[in-house]
C-alpha atoms as a PDB file:
ATOM      1  CA  MET A   1      23.462  17.987 -28.674  1.00  0.00           C
ATOM      2  CA  ARG A   2      20.339  17.039 -26.759  1.00  0.00           C
ATOM      3  CA  GLU A   3      17.605  19.661 -26.695  1.00  0.00           C
ATOM      4  CA  TRP A   4      15.444  19.863 -23.613  1.00  0.00           C
ATOM      5  CA  GLY A   5      11.894  20.458 -24.766  1.00  0.00           C
ATOM      6  CA  GLY A   6       8.486  18.914 -24.969  1.00  0.00           C
ATOM      7  CA  GLY A   7       8.085  18.766 -21.220  1.00  0.00           C
ATOM      8  CA  ASN A   8      11.510  17.250 -20.464  1.00  0.00           C
ATOM      9  CA  THR A   9      13.398  18.934 -17.647  1.00  0.00           C
ATOM     10  CA  PRO A  10      17.167  19.509 -17.820  1.00  0.00           C
ATOM     11  CA  PRO A  11      19.104  17.560 -15.175  1.00  0.00           C
ATOM     12  CA  HIS A  12      20.499  20.706 -13.569  1.00  0.00           C
ATOM     13  CA  SER A  13      16.960  22.047 -13.170  1.00  0.00           C
ATOM     14  CA  ARG A  14      15.895  18.822 -11.471  1.00  0.00           C
ATOM     15  CA  VAL A  15      18.834  19.042  -9.067  1.00  0.00           C
ATOM     16  CA  PHE A  16      17.980  22.657  -8.243  1.00  0.00           C
ATOM     17  CA  GLU A  17      14.328  21.717  -7.759  1.00  0.00           C
ATOM     18  CA  ILE A  18      15.242  18.978  -5.271  1.00  0.00           C
ATOM     19  CA  THR A  19      17.901  20.912  -3.341  1.00  0.00           C
ATOM     20  CA  SER A  20      16.074  24.257  -3.194  1.00  0.00           C
ATOM     21  CA  PRO A  21      14.193  25.126   0.023  1.00  0.00           C
ATOM     22  CA  MET A  22      10.829  24.864  -1.719  1.00  0.00           C
ATOM     23  CA  GLY A  23      11.822  21.527  -3.235  1.00  0.00           C
ATOM     24  CA  LYS A  24      12.799  20.180   0.182  1.00  0.00           C
ATOM     25  CA  LEU A  25       9.568  21.483   1.715  1.00  0.00           C
ATOM     26  CA  SER A  26       7.507  19.877  -1.041  1.00  0.00           C
ATOM     27  CA  ALA A  27       9.305  16.550  -0.576  1.00  0.00           C
ATOM     28  CA  MET A  28       8.764  16.686   3.191  1.00  0.00           C
ATOM     29  CA  VAL A  29       5.072  17.487   2.808  1.00  0.00           C
ATOM     30  CA  SER A  30       4.750  14.612   0.339  1.00  0.00           C
ATOM     31  CA  TRP A  31       6.075  11.871   2.623  1.00  0.00           C
ATOM     32  CA  LEU A  32       4.599  13.456   5.741  1.00  0.00           C
ATOM     33  CA  LEU A  33       1.123  13.434   4.211  1.00  0.00           C
ATOM     34  CA  ARG A  34       1.451   9.743   3.389  1.00  0.00           C
ATOM     35  CA  GLY A  35       2.853   9.038   6.824  1.00  0.00           C
ATOM     36  CA  VAL A  36      -0.002  10.804   8.618  1.00  0.00           C
ATOM     37  CA  VAL A  37      -2.684   9.090   6.530  1.00  0.00           C
ATOM     38  CA  MET A  38      -1.112   5.658   6.944  1.00  0.00           C
ATOM     39  CA  THR A  39      -0.768   6.329  10.682  1.00  0.00           C
ATOM     40  CA  ALA A  40      -4.500   6.972  10.855  1.00  0.00           C
ATOM     41  CA  VAL A  41      -5.173   3.839   8.802  1.00  0.00           C
ATOM     42  CA  HIS A  42      -3.078   1.676  11.133  1.00  0.00           C
ATOM     43  CA  VAL A  43      -4.591   3.142  14.303  1.00  0.00           C
ATOM     44  CA  VAL A  44      -8.153   2.693  13.035  1.00  0.00           C
ATOM     45  CA  ALA A  45      -7.341  -0.844  11.878  1.00  0.00           C
ATOM     46  CA  ARG A  46      -5.894  -1.789  15.272  1.00  0.00           C
ATOM     47  CA  VAL A  47      -8.778  -0.237  17.194  1.00  0.00           C
ATOM     48  CA  LEU A  48     -11.338  -2.084  15.071  1.00  0.00           C
ATOM     49  CA  LEU A  49      -9.261  -5.245  15.316  1.00  0.00           C
ATOM     50  CA  GLY A  50      -9.150  -4.936  19.099  1.00  0.00           C
ATOM     51  CA  ILE A  51     -12.914  -4.508  19.284  1.00  0.00           C
ATOM     52  CA  ALA A  52     -13.484  -7.469  16.958  1.00  0.00           C
ATOM     53  CA  VAL A  53     -11.109  -9.721  18.889  1.00  0.00           C
ATOM     54  CA  VAL A  54     -12.750  -8.844  22.209  1.00  0.00           C
ATOM     55  CA  GLN A  55     -16.232  -9.460  20.817  1.00  0.00           C
ATOM     56  CA  ALA A  56     -15.371 -12.603  18.818  1.00  0.00           C
ATOM     57  CA  PRO A  57     -12.089 -14.070  20.103  1.00  0.00           C
ATOM     58  CA  LEU A  58     -12.580 -17.369  18.264  1.00  0.00           C
ATOM     59  CA  HIS A  59     -12.277 -15.528  14.945  1.00  0.00           C
ATOM     60  CA  SER A  60      -9.202 -13.495  15.891  1.00  0.00           C
ATOM     61  CA  THR A  61      -7.088 -14.983  13.085  1.00  0.00           C
ATOM     62  CA  ALA A  62      -9.634 -13.978  10.470  1.00  0.00           C
ATOM     63  CA  TRP A  63      -9.929 -10.457  11.888  1.00  0.00           C
ATOM     64  CA  LYS A  64      -6.151 -10.026  11.910  1.00  0.00           C
ATOM     65  CA  THR A  65      -5.908 -11.234   8.319  1.00  0.00           C
ATOM     66  CA  ILE A  66      -8.593  -8.794   7.206  1.00  0.00           C
ATOM     67  CA  ALA A  67      -6.920  -5.888   9.025  1.00  0.00           C
ATOM     68  CA  VAL A  68      -3.488  -6.604   7.533  1.00  0.00           C
ATOM     69  CA  ALA A  69      -4.981  -7.097   4.061  1.00  0.00           C
ATOM     70  CA  ALA A  70      -6.810  -3.760   4.278  1.00  0.00           C
ATOM     71  CA  VAL A  71      -3.639  -1.901   5.280  1.00  0.00           C
ATOM     72  CA  ILE A  72      -1.629  -3.574   2.507  1.00  0.00           C
ATOM     73  CA  PHE A  73      -4.320  -2.774  -0.049  1.00  0.00           C
ATOM     74  CA  ILE A  74      -4.374   0.930   0.811  1.00  0.00           C
ATOM     75  CA  ALA A  75      -0.575   1.236   0.620  1.00  0.00           C
ATOM     76  CA  LEU A  76      -0.490  -0.786  -2.610  1.00  0.00           C
ATOM     77  CA  VAL A  77      -3.118   1.345  -4.352  1.00  0.00           C
ATOM     78  CA  TRP A  78      -1.621   4.642  -3.180  1.00  0.00           C
ATOM     79  CA  GLY A  79       1.839   3.554  -4.303  1.00  0.00           C
ATOM     80  CA  GLY A  80       0.380   2.523  -7.654  1.00  0.00           C
ATOM     81  CA  PHE A  81      -1.179   5.950  -8.149  1.00  0.00           C
ATOM     82  CA  ASP A  82       2.158   7.549  -7.261  1.00  0.00           C
ATOM     83  CA  GLY A  83       3.941   5.393  -9.834  1.00  0.00           C
ATOM     84  CA  ILE A  84       1.424   6.169 -12.582  1.00  0.00           C
ATOM     85  CA  ARG A  85       1.482   9.901 -11.888  1.00  0.00           C
ATOM     86  CA  ASP A  86       5.285   9.972 -11.717  1.00  0.00           C
ATOM     87  CA  ALA A  87       5.733   8.083 -14.992  1.00  0.00           C
ATOM     88  CA  ARG A  88       3.261  10.361 -16.767  1.00  0.00           C
ATOM     89  CA  ALA A  89       4.991  13.481 -15.456  1.00  0.00           C
ATOM     90  CA  HIS A  90       8.485  12.213 -16.371  1.00  0.00           C
ATOM     91  CA  PRO A  91       8.619  10.221 -19.630  1.00  0.00           C
ATOM     92  CA  ASP A  92      12.361   9.722 -19.103  1.00  0.00           C
ATOM     93  CA  PRO A  93      12.973   7.162 -16.296  1.00  0.00           C
ATOM     94  CA  ASP A  94      16.113   9.107 -15.314  1.00  0.00           C
ATOM     95  CA  ASP A  95      13.840  11.953 -14.200  1.00  0.00           C
ATOM     96  CA  TYR A  96      11.617   9.853 -11.934  1.00  0.00           C
ATOM     97  CA  ASP A  97      10.947  11.087  -8.409  1.00  0.00           C
ATOM     98  CA  ASP A  98      12.487   9.101  -5.562  1.00  0.00           C
ATOM     99  CA  LEU A  99       9.368   7.263  -4.458  1.00  0.00           C
ATOM    100  CA  THR A 100      11.477   4.733  -2.555  1.00  0.00           C
ATOM    101  CA  ILE A 101      12.697   7.286  -0.009  1.00  0.00           C
ATOM    102  CA  ARG A 102       9.301   8.972   0.073  1.00  0.00           C
ATOM    103  CA  TRP A 103       7.498   5.810   1.087  1.00  0.00           C
ATOM    104  CA  LEU A 104      10.305   4.609   3.343  1.00  0.00           C
ATOM    105  CA  LYS A 105      10.031   7.803   5.388  1.00  0.00           C
ATOM    106  CA  ALA A 106       6.247   7.533   5.373  1.00  0.00           C
ATOM    107  CA  GLY A 107       6.454   3.929   6.556  1.00  0.00           C
ATOM    108  CA  VAL A 108       8.869   4.701   9.398  1.00  0.00           C
ATOM    109  CA  PHE A 109       6.729   7.650  10.480  1.00  0.00           C
ATOM    110  CA  ALA A 110       3.545   5.566  10.387  1.00  0.00           C
ATOM    111  CA  GLY A 111       5.200   2.730  12.278  1.00  0.00           C
ATOM    112  CA  LEU A 112       6.545   4.833  15.120  1.00  0.00           C
ATOM    113  CA  VAL A 113       3.610   7.200  15.553  1.00  0.00           C
ATOM    114  CA  SER A 114       0.839   4.615  15.178  1.00  0.00           C
ATOM    115  CA  CYS A 115       2.527   2.282  17.662  1.00  0.00           C
ATOM    116  CA  LEU A 116       2.968   5.141  20.127  1.00  0.00           C
ATOM    117  CA  ILE A 117      -0.702   6.076  19.815  1.00  0.00           C
ATOM    118  CA  CYS A 118      -1.837   2.467  20.175  1.00  0.00           C
ATOM    119  CA  TRP A 119       0.405   1.950  23.211  1.00  0.00           C
ATOM    120  CA  ILE A 120      -1.118   5.035  24.836  1.00  0.00           C
ATOM    121  CA  LEU A 121      -4.632   3.801  24.038  1.00  0.00           C
ATOM    122  CA  GLY A 122      -3.804   0.403  25.491  1.00  0.00           C
ATOM    123  CA  THR A 123      -2.332   2.017  28.606  1.00  0.00           C
ATOM    124  CA  VAL A 124      -5.419   4.109  29.301  1.00  0.00           C
ATOM    125  CA  GLY A 125      -7.628   1.040  29.170  1.00  0.00           C
ATOM    126  CA  VAL A 126      -8.761   0.393  25.598  1.00  0.00           C
ATOM    127  CA  LYS A 127      -9.035  -3.389  25.465  1.00  0.00           C
ATOM    128  CA  GLY A 128      -7.437  -5.443  22.719  1.00  0.00           C
ATOM    129  CA  ILE A 129      -5.123  -2.699  21.485  1.00  0.00           C
ATOM    130  CA  SER A 130      -1.700  -3.273  22.993  1.00  0.00           C
ATOM    131  CA  GLU A 131      -0.437  -5.390  25.856  1.00  0.00           C
ATOM    132  CA  ALA A 132       3.271  -5.222  25.002  1.00  0.00           C
ATOM    133  CA  SER A 133       5.832  -3.044  26.733  1.00  0.00           C
ATOM    134  CA  PHE A 134       6.664   0.360  25.318  1.00  0.00           C
ATOM    135  CA  PHE A 135       9.998  -0.628  23.769  1.00  0.00           C
ATOM    136  CA  ILE A 136       8.651  -3.824  22.213  1.00  0.00           C
ATOM    137  CA  GLU A 137       5.688  -1.923  20.808  1.00  0.00           C
ATOM    138  CA  ILE A 138       7.861   0.815  19.314  1.00  0.00           C
ATOM    139  CA  ILE A 139      10.744  -1.334  18.038  1.00  0.00           C
ATOM    140  CA  ALA A 140       9.046  -4.560  16.956  1.00  0.00           C
ATOM    141  CA  GLY A 141       5.625  -3.139  16.160  1.00  0.00           C
ATOM    142  CA  GLY A 142       7.019  -0.028  14.515  1.00  0.00           C
ATOM    143  CA  SER A 143       9.360  -2.036  12.311  1.00  0.00           C
ATOM    144  CA  PHE A 144       6.564  -4.372  11.249  1.00  0.00           C
ATOM    145  CA  ILE A 145       4.204  -1.531  10.372  1.00  0.00           C
ATOM    146  CA  ALA A 146       6.960   0.360   8.538  1.00  0.00           C
ATOM    147  CA  LEU A 147       7.592  -2.674   6.330  1.00  0.00           C
ATOM    148  CA  LEU A 148       3.855  -3.288   5.973  1.00  0.00           C
ATOM    149  CA  THR A 149       3.556   0.228   4.566  1.00  0.00           C
ATOM    150  CA  PHE A 150       6.747   0.448   2.531  1.00  0.00           C
ATOM    151  CA  PHE A 151       6.834  -2.822   0.599  1.00  0.00           C
ATOM    152  CA  PRO A 152       3.266  -2.731  -0.806  1.00  0.00           C
ATOM    153  CA  ALA A 153       3.680   0.939  -1.757  1.00  0.00           C
ATOM    154  CA  PHE A 154       7.038   0.244  -3.415  1.00  0.00           C
ATOM    155  CA  PHE A 155       5.564  -2.684  -5.348  1.00  0.00           C
ATOM    156  CA  GLY A 156       2.540  -0.625  -6.357  1.00  0.00           C
ATOM    157  CA  ALA A 157       4.731   2.245  -7.574  1.00  0.00           C
ATOM    158  CA  SER A 158       6.826  -0.153  -9.654  1.00  0.00           C
ATOM    159  CA  VAL A 159       3.733  -1.705 -11.229  1.00  0.00           C
ATOM    160  CA  GLY A 160       2.208   1.725 -11.872  1.00  0.00           C
ATOM    161  CA  ARG A 161       5.340   2.935 -13.628  1.00  0.00           C
ATOM    162  CA  TRP A 162       5.565  -0.258 -15.672  1.00  0.00           C
ATOM    163  CA  LEU A 163       1.951   0.002 -16.819  1.00  0.00           C
ATOM    164  CA  THR A 164       2.412   3.651 -17.769  1.00  0.00           C
ATOM    165  CA  ARG A 165       5.640   2.956 -19.683  1.00  0.00           C
ATOM    166  CA  ARG A 166       3.901   0.125 -21.529  1.00  0.00           C
ATOM    167  CA  ASP A 167       1.077   2.442 -22.587  1.00  0.00           C
ATOM    168  CA  GLN A 168       3.588   5.109 -23.609  1.00  0.00           C
ATOM    169  CA  ARG A 169       5.505   2.618 -25.762  1.00  0.00           C
ATOM    170  CA  LYS A 170       2.279   1.489 -27.426  1.00  0.00           C
ATOM    171  CA  GLU A 171       1.340   5.096 -28.152  1.00  0.00           C
ATOM    172  CA  GLN A 172       4.826   5.812 -29.511  1.00  0.00           C
ATOM    173  CA  ARG A 173       4.648   2.778 -31.812  1.00  0.00           C
ATOM    174  CA  ARG A 174       1.225   3.895 -33.019  1.00  0.00           C
ATOM    175  CA  ARG A 175       2.569   7.365 -33.844  1.00  0.00           C
ATOM    176  CA  ASP A 176       5.610   5.875 -35.563  1.00  0.00           C
ATOM    177  CA  ASP A 177       3.383   3.622 -37.672  1.00  0.00           C
ATOM    178  CA  ALA A 178       1.181   6.586 -38.588  1.00  0.00           C
ATOM    179  CA  ASP A 179       4.240   8.653 -39.576  1.00  0.00           C
ATOM    180  CA  ARG A 180       5.572   5.732 -41.593  1.00  0.00           C
ATOM    181  CA  ASP A 181       2.253   5.397 -43.417  1.00  0.00           C
ATOM    182  CA  ASP A 182       2.254   9.123 -44.160  1.00  0.00           C
ATOM    183  CA  ASP A 183       5.794   8.931 -45.538  1.00  0.00           C
ATOM    184  CA  THR A 184       4.852   5.948 -47.690  1.00  0.00           C
ATOM    185  CA  ALA A 185       1.823   7.791 -49.066  1.00  0.00           C
ATOM    186  CA  VAL A 186       3.964  10.833 -49.924  1.00  0.00           C
ATOM    187  CA  ILE A 187       6.517   8.653 -51.725  1.00  0.00           C
ATOM    188  CA  GLU A 188       3.794   6.852 -53.667  1.00  0.00           C
ATOM    189  CA  ARG A 189       2.234  10.147 -54.774  1.00  0.00           C
ATOM    190  CA  ALA A 190       5.631  11.397 -55.848  1.00  0.00           C
ATOM    191  CA  ASP A 191       6.198   8.198 -57.858  1.00  0.00           C
ATOM    192  CA  ASP A 192       2.772   8.555 -59.489  1.00  0.00           C
ATOM    193  CA  ARG A 193       3.547  12.122 -60.512  1.00  0.00           C
ATOM    194  CA  SER A 194       6.899  11.025 -61.877  1.00  0.00           C
ATOM    195  CA  VAL A 195       5.296   8.247 -63.921  1.00  0.00           C
ATOM    196  CA  ALA A 196       2.619  10.608 -65.214  1.00  0.00           C
ATOM    197  CA  ALA A 197       5.231  13.159 -66.211  1.00  0.00           C
ATOM    198  CA  SER A 198       7.265  10.512 -68.021  1.00  0.00           C
ATOM    199  CA  GLY A 199       4.159   9.341 -69.896  1.00  0.00           C
ATOM    200  CA  ALA A 200       3.348  12.889 -70.962  1.00  0.00           C
ATOM    201  CA  GLU A 201       6.874  13.433 -72.273  1.00  0.00           C
ATOM    202  CA  SER A 202       6.730  10.173 -74.244  1.00  0.00           C
ATOM    203  CA  ALA A 203       3.437  11.205 -75.840  1.00  0.00           C
END
């Protein structure tokens, strides 16, 4: 029978934690926080991109590349931290948090809200922000930003978990080797005592 100790959480406790009101609230706050921050990141990136394109239109491709790379980097690093923290908190992969849904919700939120904000800014006269219609901005732009947030974060979380599991396996092997060395030393001492006792009896 499996004993649940040493920081491992029984499955029924995990289910209760997720389905309880506090568990649902915590999960909502988690993805909402990421969604709000990534919304701010996208809006700031598009505002700066609009200013840069207006001031230096010949370098618009470079500015767009830098803006997209910055957004991807932030999502990638944040997802990586999530993966590392999750793997450290749950040594058993079966107990991992659902980071996929967390970041998918955050990506959809960031896509819709940031595009709405940018469309409003473009409507009121901020140059270089948005010249597309409302529906194109929300549907096409929102989908693009959602994917631009979700995929890097998902990849980062996977890499973070993999790195943590690798370190945990190395640490486990080190402990196993140390235990094996201790057992070998105990056996050798026991053999030495046995040989000494046999020699004393022979004398």
